[in-house]
Amino acid sequence: MPPESVLAQWKDYEADSQDVESGTSLPDFSGLKESTSSIVGSLSGTLTRAASGLSGSQTSLTSTFSDSMPFIPSRQQMTYATVLAGAGIFFLILAITVALPVVVIFPSKFALTFSLGTGLIMAAIIIVKGWKQQLKHMCSQQRLPFTLGYFGSLVMTLYAALFQHSYVNSLFFSGLQ
């Protein structure tokens, strides 16, 4: 049998409420208690099964998450990393806007500010990832040539700027960074 329409239900409700107002009979709610308890029992069983399923998936999710990123930085570490990254960006902007135009006269100014900027950004990344994880990442087989290239160019930039006073070598090694 198809369900009743909303209009038919409304008319039944009006008729029941008129009967209540006239004092004839109250609606029978005895079946409501049994149906409510069966719904609550069914919902409780469903939630229990869902919770047990979630606790099992939580273990696998935790192990998967801890394998991919075992180090979760604290708020203080994130603050330090943000400050270091901001200082690094500041020194890079300073190197490009102030020191680059006078690199012919003062090659060490550009090399020092640029190297300091990249070093501070690298320190911020190390704080966020953790130094062990970052070192493992940088020394992996695929990344090792880039790591050696970065640190080699950093040392050579400082050597060219501070000891050779060569603006060509300073710019070349800064470009390699």
C-alpha atoms as a PDB file:
ATOM      1  CA  MET A   1       0.000   0.000   0.000  1.00  0.00           C
ATOM      2  CA  PRO A   2       1.498   3.393  -0.961  1.00  0.00           C
ATOM      3  CA  PRO A   3       2.231   5.842   1.847  1.00  0.00           C
ATOM      4  CA  GLU A   4      -0.317   8.517   2.620  1.00  0.00           C
ATOM      5  CA  SER A   5       0.147  11.991   1.296  1.00  0.00           C
ATOM      6  CA  VAL A   6       1.163  14.839   3.550  1.00  0.00           C
ATOM      7  CA  LEU A   7      -2.287  16.371   3.132  1.00  0.00           C
ATOM      8  CA  ALA A   8      -3.977  13.180   4.306  1.00  0.00           C
ATOM      9  CA  GLN A   9      -1.677  12.999   7.318  1.00  0.00           C
ATOM     10  CA  TRP A  10      -2.443  16.619   8.151  1.00  0.00           C
ATOM     11  CA  LYS A  11      -6.173  15.968   8.031  1.00  0.00           C
ATOM     12  CA  ASP A  12      -5.735  12.982  10.352  1.00  0.00           C
ATOM     13  CA  TYR A  13      -3.731  15.166  12.727  1.00  0.00           C
ATOM     14  CA  GLU A  14      -6.453  17.852  12.693  1.00  0.00           C
ATOM     15  CA  ALA A  15      -9.112  15.287  13.419  1.00  0.00           C
ATOM     16  CA  ASP A  16      -7.082  13.859  16.328  1.00  0.00           C
ATOM     17  CA  SER A  17      -6.409  17.300  17.787  1.00  0.00           C
ATOM     18  CA  GLN A  18     -10.137  18.201  17.568  1.00  0.00           C
ATOM     19  CA  ASP A  19     -10.932  14.999  19.433  1.00  0.00           C
ATOM     20  CA  VAL A  20      -8.446  15.935  22.148  1.00  0.00           C
ATOM     21  CA  GLU A  21      -9.947  19.426  22.448  1.00  0.00           C
ATOM     22  CA  SER A  22     -13.455  18.053  22.734  1.00  0.00           C
ATOM     23  CA  GLY A  23     -12.263  15.690  25.468  1.00  0.00           C
ATOM     24  CA  THR A  24     -13.136  12.455  23.741  1.00  0.00           C
ATOM     25  CA  SER A  25      -9.955  10.329  23.546  1.00  0.00           C
ATOM     26  CA  LEU A  26      -6.232  10.841  23.593  1.00  0.00           C
ATOM     27  CA  PRO A  27      -3.996   9.399  20.906  1.00  0.00           C
ATOM     28  CA  ASP A  28      -2.373   6.050  21.713  1.00  0.00           C
ATOM     29  CA  PHE A  29       1.384   6.400  22.211  1.00  0.00           C
ATOM     30  CA  SER A  30       2.012   2.890  23.571  1.00  0.00           C
ATOM     31  CA  GLY A  31       3.673   1.681  20.354  1.00  0.00           C
ATOM     32  CA  LEU A  32       5.939   4.729  20.315  1.00  0.00           C
ATOM     33  CA  LYS A  33       8.003   3.487  23.268  1.00  0.00           C
ATOM     34  CA  GLU A  34       8.758   0.121  21.655  1.00  0.00           C
ATOM     35  CA  SER A  35       9.636   1.651  18.270  1.00  0.00           C
ATOM     36  CA  THR A  36      11.853   4.277  19.926  1.00  0.00           C
ATOM     37  CA  SER A  37      13.726   1.670  21.952  1.00  0.00           C
ATOM     38  CA  SER A  38      14.261  -0.477  18.845  1.00  0.00           C
ATOM     39  CA  ILE A  39      15.606   2.541  16.927  1.00  0.00           C
ATOM     40  CA  VAL A  40      17.930   3.476  19.793  1.00  0.00           C
ATOM     41  CA  GLY A  41      19.149  -0.118  20.084  1.00  0.00           C
ATOM     42  CA  SER A  42      19.806  -0.316  16.364  1.00  0.00           C
ATOM     43  CA  LEU A  43      21.623   3.035  16.399  1.00  0.00           C
ATOM     44  CA  SER A  44      23.690   1.951  19.418  1.00  0.00           C
ATOM     45  CA  GLY A  45      24.762  -1.245  17.652  1.00  0.00           C
ATOM     46  CA  THR A  46      25.674   0.687  14.528  1.00  0.00           C
ATOM     47  CA  LEU A  47      27.739   3.206  16.501  1.00  0.00           C
ATOM     48  CA  THR A  48      29.519   0.403  18.378  1.00  0.00           C
ATOM     49  CA  ARG A  49      30.455  -1.311  15.112  1.00  0.00           C
ATOM     50  CA  ALA A  50      31.578   2.009  13.631  1.00  0.00           C
ATOM     51  CA  ALA A  51      33.696   2.822  16.692  1.00  0.00           C
ATOM     52  CA  SER A  52      35.400  -0.565  16.620  1.00  0.00           C
ATOM     53  CA  GLY A  53      36.076  -0.133  12.906  1.00  0.00           C
ATOM     54  CA  LEU A  54      37.483   3.340  13.507  1.00  0.00           C
ATOM     55  CA  SER A  55      39.804   2.200  16.268  1.00  0.00           C
ATOM     56  CA  GLY A  56      41.298  -0.378  13.910  1.00  0.00           C
ATOM     57  CA  SER A  57      41.686   2.159  11.118  1.00  0.00           C
ATOM     58  CA  GLN A  58      43.112   4.689  13.574  1.00  0.00           C
ATOM     59  CA  THR A  59      45.984   2.344  14.310  1.00  0.00           C
ATOM     60  CA  SER A  60      46.766   1.870  10.628  1.00  0.00           C
ATOM     61  CA  LEU A  61      46.342   5.590   9.951  1.00  0.00           C
ATOM     62  CA  THR A  62      48.670   6.476  12.828  1.00  0.00           C
ATOM     63  CA  SER A  63      51.326   4.059  11.646  1.00  0.00           C
ATOM     64  CA  THR A  64      51.041   5.350   8.072  1.00  0.00           C
ATOM     65  CA  PHE A  65      51.243   8.953   9.253  1.00  0.00           C
ATOM     66  CA  SER A  66      54.191   8.298  11.544  1.00  0.00           C
ATOM     67  CA  ASP A  67      56.057   6.543   8.723  1.00  0.00           C
ATOM     68  CA  SER A  68      55.685   9.493   6.385  1.00  0.00           C
ATOM     69  CA  MET A  69      56.412  12.235   8.947  1.00  0.00           C
ATOM     70  CA  PRO A  70      57.646  10.986  12.312  1.00  0.00           C
ATOM     71  CA  PHE A  71      58.413  14.476  13.593  1.00  0.00           C
ATOM     72  CA  ILE A  72      55.559  16.884  14.287  1.00  0.00           C
ATOM     73  CA  PRO A  73      56.890  20.334  15.171  1.00  0.00           C
ATOM     74  CA  SER A  74      55.579  22.121  18.221  1.00  0.00           C
ATOM     75  CA  ARG A  75      54.155  25.614  18.200  1.00  0.00           C
ATOM     76  CA  GLN A  76      57.455  27.025  19.458  1.00  0.00           C
ATOM     77  CA  GLN A  77      59.393  25.284  16.697  1.00  0.00           C
ATOM     78  CA  MET A  78      56.949  26.604  14.092  1.00  0.00           C
ATOM     79  CA  THR A  79      57.450  30.094  15.528  1.00  0.00           C
ATOM     80  CA  TYR A  80      61.225  29.755  15.262  1.00  0.00           C
ATOM     81  CA  ALA A  81      60.928  28.402  11.726  1.00  0.00           C
ATOM     82  CA  THR A  82      58.667  31.280  10.709  1.00  0.00           C
ATOM     83  CA  VAL A  83      61.085  33.842  12.155  1.00  0.00           C
ATOM     84  CA  LEU A  84      64.066  32.202  10.445  1.00  0.00           C
ATOM     85  CA  ALA A  85      62.249  31.945   7.104  1.00  0.00           C
ATOM     86  CA  GLY A  86      61.164  35.577   7.372  1.00  0.00           C
ATOM     87  CA  ALA A  87      64.718  36.671   8.152  1.00  0.00           C
ATOM     88  CA  GLY A  88      65.994  34.567   5.258  1.00  0.00           C
ATOM     89  CA  ILE A  89      63.542  36.164   2.840  1.00  0.00           C
ATOM     90  CA  PHE A  90      64.494  39.588   4.211  1.00  0.00           C
ATOM     91  CA  PHE A  91      68.197  38.930   3.536  1.00  0.00           C
ATOM     92  CA  LEU A  92      67.462  37.614   0.043  1.00  0.00           C
ATOM     93  CA  ILE A  93      65.464  40.752  -0.770  1.00  0.00           C
ATOM     94  CA  LEU A  94      68.231  42.861   0.752  1.00  0.00           C
ATOM     95  CA  ALA A  95      70.823  41.049  -1.378  1.00  0.00           C
ATOM     96  CA  ILE A  96      68.871  41.602  -4.582  1.00  0.00           C
ATOM     97  CA  THR A  97      67.738  45.190  -4.006  1.00  0.00           C
ATOM     98  CA  VAL A  98      70.691  46.720  -2.132  1.00  0.00           C
ATOM     99  CA  ALA A  99      73.785  44.592  -2.649  1.00  0.00           C
ATOM    100  CA  LEU A 100      73.324  43.467  -6.253  1.00  0.00           C
ATOM    101  CA  PRO A 101      73.597  46.979  -7.759  1.00  0.00           C
ATOM    102  CA  VAL A 102      76.971  47.512  -6.000  1.00  0.00           C
ATOM    103  CA  VAL A 103      78.331  43.985  -6.506  1.00  0.00           C
ATOM    104  CA  VAL A 104      81.137  45.302  -8.747  1.00  0.00           C
ATOM    105  CA  ILE A 105      82.441  47.483  -5.930  1.00  0.00           C
ATOM    106  CA  PHE A 106      81.520  45.271  -2.926  1.00  0.00           C
ATOM    107  CA  PRO A 107      81.149  41.635  -4.008  1.00  0.00           C
ATOM    108  CA  SER A 108      81.255  40.449  -0.405  1.00  0.00           C
ATOM    109  CA  LYS A 109      78.060  42.369   0.502  1.00  0.00           C
ATOM    110  CA  PHE A 110      75.997  40.491  -2.041  1.00  0.00           C
ATOM    111  CA  ALA A 111      77.595  37.124  -1.311  1.00  0.00           C
ATOM    112  CA  LEU A 112      77.187  37.436   2.456  1.00  0.00           C
ATOM    113  CA  THR A 113      73.575  38.630   2.403  1.00  0.00           C
ATOM    114  CA  PHE A 114      72.571  36.074  -0.235  1.00  0.00           C
ATOM    115  CA  SER A 115      74.338  33.199   1.554  1.00  0.00           C
ATOM    116  CA  LEU A 116      72.880  34.256   4.891  1.00  0.00           C
ATOM    117  CA  GLY A 117      69.393  34.360   3.373  1.00  0.00           C
ATOM    118  CA  THR A 118      69.618  30.884   1.865  1.00  0.00           C
ATOM    119  CA  GLY A 119      71.189  29.513   5.047  1.00  0.00           C
ATOM    120  CA  LEU A 120      68.393  30.905   7.219  1.00  0.00           C
ATOM    121  CA  ILE A 121      65.746  29.407   4.956  1.00  0.00           C
ATOM    122  CA  MET A 122      67.558  26.056   5.120  1.00  0.00           C
ATOM    123  CA  ALA A 123      67.614  26.333   8.943  1.00  0.00           C
ATOM    124  CA  ALA A 124      63.855  26.985   8.966  1.00  0.00           C
ATOM    125  CA  ILE A 125      63.254  23.857   6.903  1.00  0.00           C
ATOM    126  CA  ILE A 126      65.479  21.842   9.241  1.00  0.00           C
ATOM    127  CA  ILE A 127      63.492  23.043  12.259  1.00  0.00           C
ATOM    128  CA  VAL A 128      60.167  22.101  10.668  1.00  0.00           C
ATOM    129  CA  LYS A 129      61.221  18.653   9.432  1.00  0.00           C
ATOM    130  CA  GLY A 130      63.636  17.772  12.222  1.00  0.00           C
ATOM    131  CA  TRP A 131      67.364  17.613  11.683  1.00  0.00           C
ATOM    132  CA  LYS A 132      67.548  13.805  11.472  1.00  0.00           C
ATOM    133  CA  GLN A 133      64.761  13.565   8.911  1.00  0.00           C
ATOM    134  CA  GLN A 134      66.201  16.458   6.882  1.00  0.00           C
ATOM    135  CA  LEU A 135      69.698  14.976   6.961  1.00  0.00           C
ATOM    136  CA  LYS A 136      68.344  11.607   5.847  1.00  0.00           C
ATOM    137  CA  HIS A 137      66.395  13.346   3.077  1.00  0.00           C
ATOM    138  CA  MET A 138      69.369  15.393   1.899  1.00  0.00           C
ATOM    139  CA  CYS A 139      71.756  12.410   1.940  1.00  0.00           C
ATOM    140  CA  SER A 140      69.461  10.082   0.010  1.00  0.00           C
ATOM    141  CA  GLN A 141      70.871   8.752  -3.231  1.00  0.00           C
ATOM    142  CA  GLN A 142      68.734  11.002  -5.443  1.00  0.00           C
ATOM    143  CA  ARG A 143      69.358  14.179  -3.410  1.00  0.00           C
ATOM    144  CA  LEU A 144      73.050  13.802  -2.568  1.00  0.00           C
ATOM    145  CA  PRO A 145      74.374  15.537  -5.733  1.00  0.00           C
ATOM    146  CA  PHE A 146      72.126  18.545  -5.078  1.00  0.00           C
ATOM    147  CA  THR A 147      73.129  18.672  -1.407  1.00  0.00           C
ATOM    148  CA  LEU A 148      76.816  18.603  -2.267  1.00  0.00           C
ATOM    149  CA  GLY A 149      76.237  21.210  -4.972  1.00  0.00           C
ATOM    150  CA  TYR A 150      74.417  23.547  -2.596  1.00  0.00           C
ATOM    151  CA  PHE A 151      76.946  23.344   0.229  1.00  0.00           C
ATOM    152  CA  GLY A 152      79.873  23.456  -2.217  1.00  0.00           C
ATOM    153  CA  SER A 153      78.488  26.576  -3.901  1.00  0.00           C
ATOM    154  CA  LEU A 154      77.814  28.139  -0.493  1.00  0.00           C
ATOM    155  CA  VAL A 155      81.424  27.626   0.596  1.00  0.00           C
ATOM    156  CA  MET A 156      82.784  28.774  -2.764  1.00  0.00           C
ATOM    157  CA  THR A 157      80.566  31.892  -2.714  1.00  0.00           C
ATOM    158  CA  LEU A 158      81.931  32.897   0.659  1.00  0.00           C
ATOM    159  CA  TYR A 159      85.506  32.094  -0.430  1.00  0.00           C
ATOM    160  CA  ALA A 160      85.168  34.096  -3.662  1.00  0.00           C
ATOM    161  CA  ALA A 161      83.648  37.071  -1.867  1.00  0.00           C
ATOM    162  CA  LEU A 162      85.734  37.196   1.288  1.00  0.00           C
ATOM    163  CA  PHE A 163      89.155  36.019   0.134  1.00  0.00           C
ATOM    164  CA  GLN A 164      89.324  36.432  -3.657  1.00  0.00           C
ATOM    165  CA  HIS A 165      87.227  39.623  -3.824  1.00  0.00           C
ATOM    166  CA  SER A 166      86.099  38.489  -7.258  1.00  0.00           C
ATOM    167  CA  TYR A 167      82.673  39.709  -8.296  1.00  0.00           C
ATOM    168  CA  VAL A 168      82.533  37.286 -11.258  1.00  0.00           C
ATOM    169  CA  ASN A 169      83.122  34.231  -9.062  1.00  0.00           C
ATOM    170  CA  SER A 170      80.828  35.634  -6.353  1.00  0.00           C
ATOM    171  CA  LEU A 171      77.991  36.012  -8.841  1.00  0.00           C
ATOM    172  CA  PHE A 172      78.687  32.643 -10.444  1.00  0.00           C
ATOM    173  CA  PHE A 173      78.663  30.695  -7.173  1.00  0.00           C
ATOM    174  CA  SER A 174      75.720  32.695  -5.852  1.00  0.00           C
ATOM    175  CA  GLY A 175      73.861  31.700  -8.997  1.00  0.00           C
ATOM    176  CA  LEU A 176      74.706  28.066  -8.315  1.00  0.00           C
ATOM    177  CA  GLN A 177      73.205  28.365  -4.859  1.00  0.00           C
END
